[in-house]
Amino acid sequence: MPTYVYEILDKKGKPTGETFEIFQFMSADALAKHPLTGKPVRRAIVAPAIAQKWSDLKSKSALSNKNLERMGFTKYERKGKGYMERTAGNFGPQTLGGD
């Protein structure tokens, strides 16, 4: 069950800077209110955590095209102005941009 991060909103619907985490099933609807206070909330977009040791992440091999592909990521690299080519992964178009 994944952990989701929520932002607490003010009365105008703007983020207050306060956040909280909650375990939810992926199939569950996003919360609209804080479970304890009833304040309005929205699900925050946060970077995923990749479970590895910090020393592994600092090494170039941890973020190699082969490892990224093994973990299910797709990677594009710039090959020219406005043109990118897929270098890792099997999902998405082979190229992006171009003429």
N, C-alpha and C. Protein backbone atom coordinates (compact mmCIF):
# COMPACT_ATOMS: atom_id res chain seq x y z
N MET A 1 0.85 -1.16 0.00
CA MET A 1 0.00 0.00 0.00
C MET A 1 0.91 1.24 0.00
N PRO A 2 0.75 2.12 -0.99
CA PRO A 2 1.63 3.28 -1.09
C PRO A 2 1.31 4.37 -0.07
N THR A 3 2.30 5.20 0.19
CA THR A 3 2.13 6.37 1.03
C THR A 3 1.88 7.57 0.13
N TYR A 4 0.83 8.33 0.42
CA TYR A 4 0.53 9.53 -0.34
C TYR A 4 0.77 10.75 0.53
N VAL A 5 1.22 11.82 -0.08
CA VAL A 5 1.43 13.09 0.61
C VAL A 5 0.29 14.03 0.22
N TYR A 6 -0.29 14.69 1.21
CA TYR A 6 -1.36 15.64 0.98
C TYR A 6 -0.96 17.01 1.49
N GLU A 7 -1.38 18.06 0.78
CA GLU A 7 -1.19 19.44 1.20
C GLU A 7 -2.48 19.94 1.84
N ILE A 8 -2.35 20.65 2.95
CA ILE A 8 -3.51 21.26 3.59
C ILE A 8 -3.74 22.62 2.92
N LEU A 9 -4.99 22.89 2.56
CA LEU A 9 -5.34 24.10 1.84
C LEU A 9 -6.02 25.10 2.76
N ASP A 10 -5.90 26.40 2.41
CA ASP A 10 -6.62 27.42 3.17
C ASP A 10 -8.05 27.54 2.62
N LYS A 11 -8.81 28.50 3.11
CA LYS A 11 -10.21 28.64 2.70
C LYS A 11 -10.36 28.99 1.23
N LYS A 12 -9.31 29.58 0.65
CA LYS A 12 -9.35 29.95 -0.77
C LYS A 12 -8.84 28.83 -1.68
N GLY A 13 -8.44 27.71 -1.08
CA GLY A 13 -7.94 26.57 -1.85
C GLY A 13 -6.47 26.63 -2.19
N LYS A 14 -5.73 27.51 -1.53
CA LYS A 14 -4.29 27.63 -1.77
C LYS A 14 -3.53 26.86 -0.71
N PRO A 15 -2.39 26.25 -1.06
CA PRO A 15 -1.61 25.48 -0.09
C PRO A 15 -1.11 26.34 1.06
N THR A 16 -1.15 25.77 2.26
CA THR A 16 -0.68 26.48 3.46
C THR A 16 0.78 26.17 3.77
N GLY A 17 1.35 25.20 3.09
CA GLY A 17 2.71 24.77 3.39
C GLY A 17 2.75 23.58 4.33
N GLU A 18 1.62 23.23 4.91
CA GLU A 18 1.53 22.07 5.79
C GLU A 18 1.21 20.83 4.96
N THR A 19 1.84 19.73 5.29
CA THR A 19 1.59 18.46 4.59
C THR A 19 1.45 17.34 5.60
N PHE A 20 0.90 16.23 5.15
CA PHE A 20 0.87 15.00 5.95
C PHE A 20 0.90 13.81 5.00
N GLU A 21 1.29 12.67 5.54
CA GLU A 21 1.36 11.44 4.75
C GLU A 21 0.32 10.47 5.26
N ILE A 22 -0.19 9.64 4.35
CA ILE A 22 -1.19 8.65 4.73
C ILE A 22 -1.06 7.44 3.80
N PHE A 23 -1.23 6.25 4.37
CA PHE A 23 -1.25 5.03 3.57
C PHE A 23 -2.64 4.88 2.96
N GLN A 24 -2.70 4.61 1.66
CA GLN A 24 -3.97 4.39 0.98
C GLN A 24 -3.78 3.34 -0.10
N PHE A 25 -4.85 2.61 -0.38
CA PHE A 25 -4.82 1.72 -1.52
C PHE A 25 -4.77 2.55 -2.79
N MET A 26 -4.12 2.04 -3.82
CA MET A 26 -4.04 2.77 -5.09
C MET A 26 -5.43 2.98 -5.69
N SER A 27 -6.35 2.08 -5.41
CA SER A 27 -7.70 2.17 -5.96
C SER A 27 -8.58 3.15 -5.19
N ALA A 28 -8.13 3.63 -4.03
CA ALA A 28 -8.93 4.54 -3.22
C ALA A 28 -8.94 5.94 -3.83
N ASP A 29 -10.06 6.63 -3.69
CA ASP A 29 -10.16 8.00 -4.16
C ASP A 29 -9.26 8.90 -3.30
N ALA A 30 -8.77 9.97 -3.91
CA ALA A 30 -7.96 10.94 -3.17
C ALA A 30 -8.83 11.61 -2.11
N LEU A 31 -8.21 11.93 -0.97
CA LEU A 31 -8.94 12.60 0.11
C LEU A 31 -9.28 14.03 -0.30
N ALA A 32 -10.39 14.55 0.19
CA ALA A 32 -10.78 15.95 -0.03
C ALA A 32 -10.66 16.73 1.27
N LYS A 33 -10.69 16.02 2.42
CA LYS A 33 -10.61 16.65 3.73
C LYS A 33 -9.60 15.90 4.60
N HIS A 34 -8.95 16.63 5.49
CA HIS A 34 -8.02 16.03 6.44
C HIS A 34 -8.80 15.08 7.33
N PRO A 35 -8.31 13.84 7.55
CA PRO A 35 -9.07 12.85 8.32
C PRO A 35 -9.32 13.25 9.78
N LEU A 36 -8.51 14.12 10.37
CA LEU A 36 -8.70 14.51 11.77
C LEU A 36 -9.32 15.89 11.92
N THR A 37 -8.87 16.85 11.12
CA THR A 37 -9.32 18.23 11.31
C THR A 37 -10.46 18.63 10.37
N GLY A 38 -10.63 17.91 9.28
CA GLY A 38 -11.66 18.26 8.31
C GLY A 38 -11.28 19.39 7.38
N LYS A 39 -10.05 19.91 7.49
CA LYS A 39 -9.61 20.98 6.60
C LYS A 39 -9.49 20.45 5.17
N PRO A 40 -9.68 21.30 4.17
CA PRO A 40 -9.56 20.85 2.78
C PRO A 40 -8.11 20.48 2.46
N VAL A 41 -7.93 19.43 1.65
CA VAL A 41 -6.60 18.96 1.26
C VAL A 41 -6.61 18.58 -0.22
N ARG A 42 -5.41 18.46 -0.76
CA ARG A 42 -5.24 17.90 -2.10
C ARG A 42 -3.98 17.05 -2.10
N ARG A 43 -4.00 16.02 -2.95
CA ARG A 43 -2.84 15.14 -3.05
C ARG A 43 -1.70 15.89 -3.70
N ALA A 44 -0.54 15.84 -3.09
CA ALA A 44 0.64 16.53 -3.60
C ALA A 44 1.40 15.63 -4.56
N ILE A 45 2.04 16.23 -5.52
CA ILE A 45 2.89 15.49 -6.45
C ILE A 45 4.31 15.54 -5.90
N VAL A 46 4.86 14.37 -5.60
CA VAL A 46 6.21 14.28 -5.04
C VAL A 46 7.02 13.28 -5.85
N ALA A 47 8.31 13.44 -5.82
CA ALA A 47 9.20 12.53 -6.54
C ALA A 47 9.16 11.15 -5.89
N PRO A 48 9.18 10.09 -6.69
CA PRO A 48 9.16 8.75 -6.11
C PRO A 48 10.48 8.42 -5.42
N ALA A 49 10.38 7.62 -4.40
CA ALA A 49 11.58 7.15 -3.69
C ALA A 49 12.03 5.85 -4.33
N ILE A 50 13.28 5.79 -4.70
CA ILE A 50 13.85 4.57 -5.26
C ILE A 50 14.62 3.90 -4.14
N ALA A 51 14.20 2.70 -3.78
CA ALA A 51 14.78 2.02 -2.61
C ALA A 51 16.16 1.47 -2.94
N GLN A 52 17.17 2.25 -2.63
CA GLN A 52 18.55 1.83 -2.76
C GLN A 52 19.36 2.54 -1.69
N LYS A 53 20.55 2.04 -1.45
CA LYS A 53 21.45 2.72 -0.52
C LYS A 53 21.93 4.01 -1.16
N TRP A 54 22.16 5.05 -0.33
CA TRP A 54 22.61 6.33 -0.84
C TRP A 54 23.92 6.17 -1.61
N SER A 55 24.82 5.32 -1.13
CA SER A 55 26.09 5.15 -1.83
C SER A 55 25.87 4.58 -3.22
N ASP A 56 24.83 3.73 -3.39
CA ASP A 56 24.53 3.19 -4.71
C ASP A 56 24.01 4.27 -5.64
N LEU A 57 23.20 5.18 -5.11
CA LEU A 57 22.63 6.23 -5.95
C LEU A 57 23.69 7.21 -6.42
N LYS A 58 24.75 7.38 -5.64
CA LYS A 58 25.80 8.30 -6.04
C LYS A 58 26.65 7.71 -7.17
N SER A 59 26.66 6.40 -7.30
CA SER A 59 27.47 5.80 -8.34
C SER A 59 26.77 5.93 -9.69
N LYS A 60 27.55 6.03 -10.73
CA LYS A 60 26.98 6.19 -12.07
C LYS A 60 26.23 4.94 -12.51
N SER A 61 26.63 3.76 -12.04
CA SER A 61 26.00 2.53 -12.50
C SER A 61 24.57 2.40 -11.98
N ALA A 62 24.24 3.01 -10.82
CA ALA A 62 22.89 2.92 -10.28
C ALA A 62 21.89 3.61 -11.19
N LEU A 63 22.32 4.65 -11.87
CA LEU A 63 21.43 5.38 -12.77
C LEU A 63 21.78 5.12 -14.24
N SER A 64 22.41 3.99 -14.49
CA SER A 64 22.74 3.63 -15.86
C SER A 64 21.47 3.31 -16.63
N ASN A 65 21.55 3.37 -17.94
CA ASN A 65 20.39 3.05 -18.77
C ASN A 65 19.88 1.65 -18.49
N LYS A 66 20.79 0.71 -18.29
CA LYS A 66 20.40 -0.68 -18.02
C LYS A 66 19.60 -0.79 -16.72
N ASN A 67 20.08 -0.14 -15.65
CA ASN A 67 19.36 -0.19 -14.37
C ASN A 67 18.04 0.55 -14.44
N LEU A 68 18.01 1.71 -15.10
CA LEU A 68 16.75 2.44 -15.24
C LEU A 68 15.72 1.59 -15.97
N GLU A 69 16.13 0.93 -17.02
CA GLU A 69 15.22 0.06 -17.78
C GLU A 69 14.75 -1.10 -16.93
N ARG A 70 15.66 -1.69 -16.15
CA ARG A 70 15.31 -2.81 -15.28
C ARG A 70 14.26 -2.39 -14.24
N MET A 71 14.33 -1.14 -13.78
CA MET A 71 13.39 -0.65 -12.78
C MET A 71 12.09 -0.13 -13.40
N GLY A 72 11.98 -0.20 -14.72
CA GLY A 72 10.73 0.18 -15.38
C GLY A 72 10.65 1.62 -15.84
N PHE A 73 11.78 2.34 -15.82
CA PHE A 73 11.79 3.72 -16.26
C PHE A 73 12.09 3.82 -17.75
N THR A 74 11.67 4.91 -18.34
CA THR A 74 12.04 5.24 -19.72
C THR A 74 12.87 6.51 -19.65
N LYS A 75 13.96 6.54 -20.40
CA LYS A 75 14.85 7.69 -20.37
C LYS A 75 15.06 8.20 -21.79
N TYR A 76 14.98 9.52 -21.93
CA TYR A 76 15.26 10.18 -23.20
C TYR A 76 16.48 11.07 -23.03
N GLU A 77 17.31 11.14 -24.07
CA GLU A 77 18.47 12.02 -24.06
C GLU A 77 18.38 12.97 -25.24
N ARG A 78 18.83 14.20 -25.01
CA ARG A 78 18.83 15.20 -26.08
C ARG A 78 19.85 14.80 -27.14
N LYS A 79 19.43 14.78 -28.38
CA LYS A 79 20.32 14.44 -29.49
C LYS A 79 20.48 15.60 -30.46
N GLY A 80 19.75 16.66 -30.23
CA GLY A 80 19.84 17.85 -31.07
C GLY A 80 18.86 18.88 -30.55
N LYS A 81 18.84 20.04 -31.16
CA LYS A 81 17.94 21.10 -30.71
C LYS A 81 16.50 20.68 -30.95
N GLY A 82 15.73 20.54 -29.86
CA GLY A 82 14.33 20.15 -29.97
C GLY A 82 14.10 18.70 -30.33
N TYR A 83 15.11 17.85 -30.17
CA TYR A 83 15.00 16.45 -30.58
C TYR A 83 15.59 15.57 -29.48
N MET A 84 14.81 14.57 -29.03
CA MET A 84 15.28 13.64 -28.01
C MET A 84 15.04 12.21 -28.49
N GLU A 85 15.91 11.32 -28.05
CA GLU A 85 15.84 9.92 -28.44
C GLU A 85 15.77 9.04 -27.20
N ARG A 86 14.92 7.99 -27.25
CA ARG A 86 14.80 7.07 -26.11
C ARG A 86 16.09 6.25 -26.02
N THR A 87 16.71 6.25 -24.83
CA THR A 87 17.94 5.50 -24.62
C THR A 87 17.77 4.36 -23.62
N ALA A 88 16.65 4.35 -22.90
CA ALA A 88 16.38 3.26 -21.96
C ALA A 88 14.87 3.09 -21.86
N GLY A 89 14.45 1.86 -21.67
CA GLY A 89 13.02 1.58 -21.52
C GLY A 89 12.39 1.15 -22.83
N ASN A 90 11.16 0.64 -22.71
CA ASN A 90 10.45 0.13 -23.88
C ASN A 90 9.13 0.83 -24.12
N PHE A 91 8.80 1.84 -23.32
CA PHE A 91 7.52 2.51 -23.42
C PHE A 91 7.70 3.91 -23.99
N GLY A 92 6.73 4.38 -24.74
CA GLY A 92 6.79 5.69 -25.33
C GLY A 92 7.43 5.65 -26.70
N PRO A 93 7.35 6.76 -27.42
CA PRO A 93 7.91 6.79 -28.77
C PRO A 93 9.43 6.71 -28.75
N GLN A 94 10.02 6.28 -29.84
CA GLN A 94 11.47 6.17 -29.96
C GLN A 94 12.12 7.55 -29.94
N THR A 95 11.43 8.55 -30.54
CA THR A 95 11.96 9.89 -30.59
C THR A 95 10.89 10.90 -30.18
N LEU A 96 11.34 12.05 -29.70
CA LEU A 96 10.45 13.16 -29.33
C LEU A 96 10.93 14.42 -30.03
N GLY A 97 9.98 15.22 -30.49
CA GLY A 97 10.33 16.49 -31.13
C GLY A 97 10.79 16.28 -32.55
N GLY A 98 11.65 17.14 -32.98
CA GLY A 98 12.15 17.06 -34.36
C GLY A 98 11.22 17.75 -35.32
N ASP A 99 11.51 17.59 -36.57
CA ASP A 99 10.71 18.25 -37.63
C ASP A 99 9.55 17.44 -38.03
